C-alpha atoms as a PDB file:
ATOM      1  CA  MET A   1     104.982  16.757  30.850  1.00  0.00           C
ATOM      2  CA  ASN A   2     101.300  16.697  30.230  1.00  0.00           C
ATOM      3  CA  MET A   3      99.675  19.685  28.504  1.00  0.00           C
ATOM      4  CA  PHE A   4      97.082  19.962  31.274  1.00  0.00           C
ATOM      5  CA  ASP A   5      99.761  20.669  33.882  1.00  0.00           C
ATOM      6  CA  ASN A   6     100.211  24.157  32.669  1.00  0.00           C
ATOM      7  CA  ILE A   7      96.504  25.264  32.725  1.00  0.00           C
ATOM      8  CA  LYS A   8      95.911  28.558  34.440  1.00  0.00           C
ATOM      9  CA  PHE A   9      92.385  29.230  35.348  1.00  0.00           C
ATOM     10  CA  ILE A  10      90.980  32.529  34.025  1.00  0.00           C
ATOM     11  CA  TYR A  11      87.878  32.439  36.345  1.00  0.00           C
ATOM     12  CA  PHE A  12      87.684  32.149  40.131  1.00  0.00           C
ATOM     13  CA  PHE A  13      84.509  31.029  41.706  1.00  0.00           C
ATOM     14  CA  ASP A  14      84.188  32.693  45.082  1.00  0.00           C
ATOM     15  CA  TYR A  15      81.648  31.750  47.736  1.00  0.00           C
ATOM     16  CA  ASP A  16      78.910  33.957  46.385  1.00  0.00           C
ATOM     17  CA  MET A  17      79.163  32.675  42.871  1.00  0.00           C
ATOM     18  CA  LYS A  18      79.084  29.061  44.068  1.00  0.00           C
ATOM     19  CA  LYS A  19      75.912  29.984  45.999  1.00  0.00           C
ATOM     20  CA  LYS A  20      74.217  31.378  42.926  1.00  0.00           C
ATOM     21  CA  ILE A  21      75.087  28.351  40.871  1.00  0.00           C
ATOM     22  CA  SER A  22      73.808  26.006  43.568  1.00  0.00           C
ATOM     23  CA  SER A  23      70.556  28.090  43.668  1.00  0.00           C
ATOM     24  CA  ILE A  24      70.085  27.884  39.939  1.00  0.00           C
ATOM     25  CA  ASP A  25      70.809  24.144  40.000  1.00  0.00           C
ATOM     26  CA  ILE A  26      68.209  23.555  42.593  1.00  0.00           C
ATOM     27  CA  LYS A  27      65.641  25.518  40.675  1.00  0.00           C
ATOM     28  CA  LEU A  28      66.350  23.660  37.428  1.00  0.00           C
ATOM     29  CA  SER A  29      66.109  20.254  39.226  1.00  0.00           C
ATOM     30  CA  LYS A  30      62.520  21.157  40.155  1.00  0.00           C
ATOM     31  CA  ILE A  31      61.377  21.711  36.636  1.00  0.00           C
ATOM     32  CA  LYS A  32      59.813  18.405  35.358  1.00  0.00           C
ATOM     33  CA  ILE A  33      58.817  18.036  31.792  1.00  0.00           C
ATOM     34  CA  THR A  34      56.708  15.009  30.970  1.00  0.00           C
ATOM     35  CA  ASN A  35      56.791  13.073  27.719  1.00  0.00           C
ATOM     36  CA  SER A  36      53.361  14.283  26.812  1.00  0.00           C
ATOM     37  CA  GLN A  37      54.408  17.900  27.304  1.00  0.00           C
ATOM     38  CA  LYS A  38      57.416  17.267  25.007  1.00  0.00           C
ATOM     39  CA  ILE A  39      54.971  15.758  22.374  1.00  0.00           C
ATOM     40  CA  ASP A  40      52.499  18.583  22.643  1.00  0.00           C
ATOM     41  CA  ASN A  41      55.337  21.039  22.170  1.00  0.00           C
ATOM     42  CA  LEU A  42      56.596  19.203  19.142  1.00  0.00           C
ATOM     43  CA  VAL A  43      53.044  19.005  17.624  1.00  0.00           C
ATOM     44  CA  ILE A  44      52.550  22.795  17.998  1.00  0.00           C
ATOM     45  CA  LYS A  45      55.935  23.576  16.559  1.00  0.00           C
ATOM     46  CA  SER A  46      55.289  21.186  13.659  1.00  0.00           C
ATOM     47  CA  LYS A  47      51.824  22.737  12.951  1.00  0.00           C
ATOM     48  CA  VAL A  48      53.204  26.276  13.082  1.00  0.00           C
ATOM     49  CA  ARG A  49      56.050  25.404  10.586  1.00  0.00           C
ATOM     50  CA  SER A  50      53.552  23.608   8.373  1.00  0.00           C
ATOM     51  CA  ILE A  51      51.202  26.681   8.364  1.00  0.00           C
ATOM     52  CA  HIS A  52      54.219  28.892   7.697  1.00  0.00           C
ATOM     53  CA  SER A  53      55.370  26.883   4.756  1.00  0.00           C
ATOM     54  CA  SER A  54      51.850  26.684   3.240  1.00  0.00           C
ATOM     55  CA  LEU A  55      51.385  30.488   3.638  1.00  0.00           C
ATOM     56  CA  SER A  56      54.851  31.225   2.259  1.00  0.00           C
ATOM     57  CA  ILE A  57      53.841  29.358  -0.918  1.00  0.00           C
ATOM     58  CA  GLU A  58      50.833  31.682  -1.233  1.00  0.00           C
ATOM     59  CA  ALA A  59      52.997  34.786  -0.815  1.00  0.00           C
ATOM     60  CA  ASN A  60      51.880  35.636   2.662  1.00  0.00           C
ATOM     61  CA  SER A  61      54.147  38.029   4.460  1.00  0.00           C
ATOM     62  CA  LEU A  62      54.034  36.514   7.838  1.00  0.00           C
ATOM     63  CA  SER A  63      57.143  35.312   9.576  1.00  0.00           C
ATOM     64  CA  LEU A  64      57.349  32.070  11.595  1.00  0.00           C
ATOM     65  CA  PHE A  65      57.475  34.189  14.807  1.00  0.00           C
ATOM     66  CA  ASP A  66      54.289  36.050  13.745  1.00  0.00           C
ATOM     67  CA  ILE A  67      52.469  32.673  13.197  1.00  0.00           C
ATOM     68  CA  GLU A  68      53.687  31.498  16.620  1.00  0.00           C
ATOM     69  CA  ASN A  69      52.390  34.825  18.211  1.00  0.00           C
ATOM     70  CA  ILE A  70      48.994  34.360  16.586  1.00  0.00           C
ATOM     71  CA  ASN A  71      48.791  30.811  17.799  1.00  0.00           C
ATOM     72  CA  ASN A  72      49.651  32.007  21.396  1.00  0.00           C
ATOM     73  CA  ASP A  73      47.082  34.859  21.030  1.00  0.00           C
ATOM     74  CA  LYS A  74      49.695  37.546  21.125  1.00  0.00           C
ATOM     75  CA  SER A  75      49.570  40.870  19.279  1.00  0.00           C
ATOM     76  CA  VAL A  76      51.117  41.042  15.680  1.00  0.00           C
ATOM     77  CA  ILE A  77      51.270  43.869  13.351  1.00  0.00           C
ATOM     78  CA  VAL A  78      49.769  42.324  10.253  1.00  0.00           C
ATOM     79  CA  THR A  79      46.543  42.717   8.311  1.00  0.00           C
ATOM     80  CA  LYS A  80      43.364  41.173   9.536  1.00  0.00           C
ATOM     81  CA  ASP A  81      43.045  38.923   6.489  1.00  0.00           C
ATOM     82  CA  GLU A  82      46.416  37.315   7.263  1.00  0.00           C
ATOM     83  CA  ILE A  83      45.440  36.705  10.894  1.00  0.00           C
ATOM     84  CA  GLN A  84      42.176  35.128   9.752  1.00  0.00           C
ATOM     85  CA  GLU A  85      43.994  32.889   7.305  1.00  0.00           C
ATOM     86  CA  VAL A  86      46.279  31.639  10.020  1.00  0.00           C
ATOM     87  CA  LYS A  87      43.397  31.082  12.507  1.00  0.00           C
ATOM     88  CA  LYS A  88      41.574  29.079   9.833  1.00  0.00           C
ATOM     89  CA  TYR A  89      44.607  26.762   9.580  1.00  0.00           C
ATOM     90  CA  LEU A  90      44.966  26.537  13.286  1.00  0.00           C
ATOM     91  CA  ASP A  91      41.305  25.609  14.032  1.00  0.00           C
ATOM     92  CA  GLY A  92      41.199  23.138  11.181  1.00  0.00           C
ATOM     93  CA  THR A  93      38.649  24.978   8.893  1.00  0.00           C
ATOM     94  CA  TYR A  94      40.697  24.280   5.864  1.00  0.00           C
ATOM     95  CA  SER A  95      41.203  20.739   6.467  1.00  0.00           C
ATOM     96  CA  LYS A  96      37.696  20.078   7.441  1.00  0.00           C
ATOM     97  CA  GLY A  97      36.580  21.801   4.194  1.00  0.00           C
ATOM     98  CA  ILE A  98      38.908  19.819   1.979  1.00  0.00           C
ATOM     99  CA  LYS A  99      37.866  16.569   3.551  1.00  0.00           C
ATOM    100  CA  TRP A 100      34.131  17.523   3.090  1.00  0.00           C
ATOM    101  CA  LEU A 101      34.676  18.465  -0.595  1.00  0.00           C
ATOM    102  CA  LEU A 102      36.466  15.268  -1.296  1.00  0.00           C
ATOM    103  CA  GLU A 103      33.677  13.200   0.387  1.00  0.00           C
ATOM    104  CA  ASN A 104      31.070  15.022  -1.739  1.00  0.00           C
ATOM    105  CA  TYR A 105      33.197  14.468  -4.854  1.00  0.00           C
ATOM    106  CA  ILE A 106      33.607  10.699  -4.098  1.00  0.00           C
ATOM    107  CA  ASN A 107      29.851  10.348  -3.417  1.00  0.00           C
ATOM    108  CA  ASN A 108      29.031  12.212  -6.671  1.00  0.00           C
ATOM    109  CA  ILE A 109      27.479  15.161  -4.835  1.00  0.00           C
ATOM    110  CA  PRO A 110      27.673  18.354  -6.825  1.00  0.00           C
ATOM    111  CA  ILE A 111      30.229  20.913  -5.727  1.00  0.00           C
ATOM    112  CA  PRO A 112      28.439  23.260  -3.330  1.00  0.00           C
ATOM    113  CA  ASN A 113      28.158  27.074  -3.763  1.00  0.00           C
ATOM    114  CA  GLN A 114      29.707  29.575  -1.377  1.00  0.00           C
ATOM    115  CA  ASN A 115      26.448  29.820   0.766  1.00  0.00           C
ATOM    116  CA  GLU A 116      26.287  26.084   1.219  1.00  0.00           C
ATOM    117  CA  ILE A 117      29.955  25.959   2.378  1.00  0.00           C
ATOM    118  CA  GLU A 118      29.387  28.819   4.838  1.00  0.00           C
ATOM    119  CA  ASN A 119      26.280  27.002   6.252  1.00  0.00           C
ATOM    120  CA  GLU A 120      28.313  23.862   6.644  1.00  0.00           C
ATOM    121  CA  PHE A 121      31.439  25.375   8.347  1.00  0.00           C
ATOM    122  CA  GLY A 122      30.224  28.800   9.462  1.00  0.00           C
ATOM    123  CA  MET A 123      31.665  32.125   8.243  1.00  0.00           C
ATOM    124  CA  TYR A 124      34.322  33.013  10.720  1.00  0.00           C
ATOM    125  CA  ASP A 125      35.408  36.542  11.498  1.00  0.00           C
ATOM    126  CA  TYR A 126      38.298  36.413  13.917  1.00  0.00           C
ATOM    127  CA  ASP A 127      39.188  39.181  16.154  1.00  0.00           C
ATOM    128  CA  SER A 128      42.441  40.744  15.458  1.00  0.00           C
END
């Protein structure tokens, strides 16, 4: 005797339930996700996690969820400074600044003062 011979089904799918399942299946089959959409999603997730890791090292109190919400322009309950820091990471201000400073160092250009840096990259005041 096979162990599957004694299976008793707990659930019974009536006509209405089968109709609902069929409807869900049809709707799911209409959803098409391209490879570029998958890649874009992975890039965004990777960027958000990288920002979260960098900010965690600096003792920033933002959670991964908060950073995702800031990236999606949703409301979060944090300080304006924390939002500005995340936005600077998101728009590439930090990476542009580091690249610019390294190029100046390699070319033996003196380290700029705060005003020169603000003139080069702009002084951003993000809305919170």
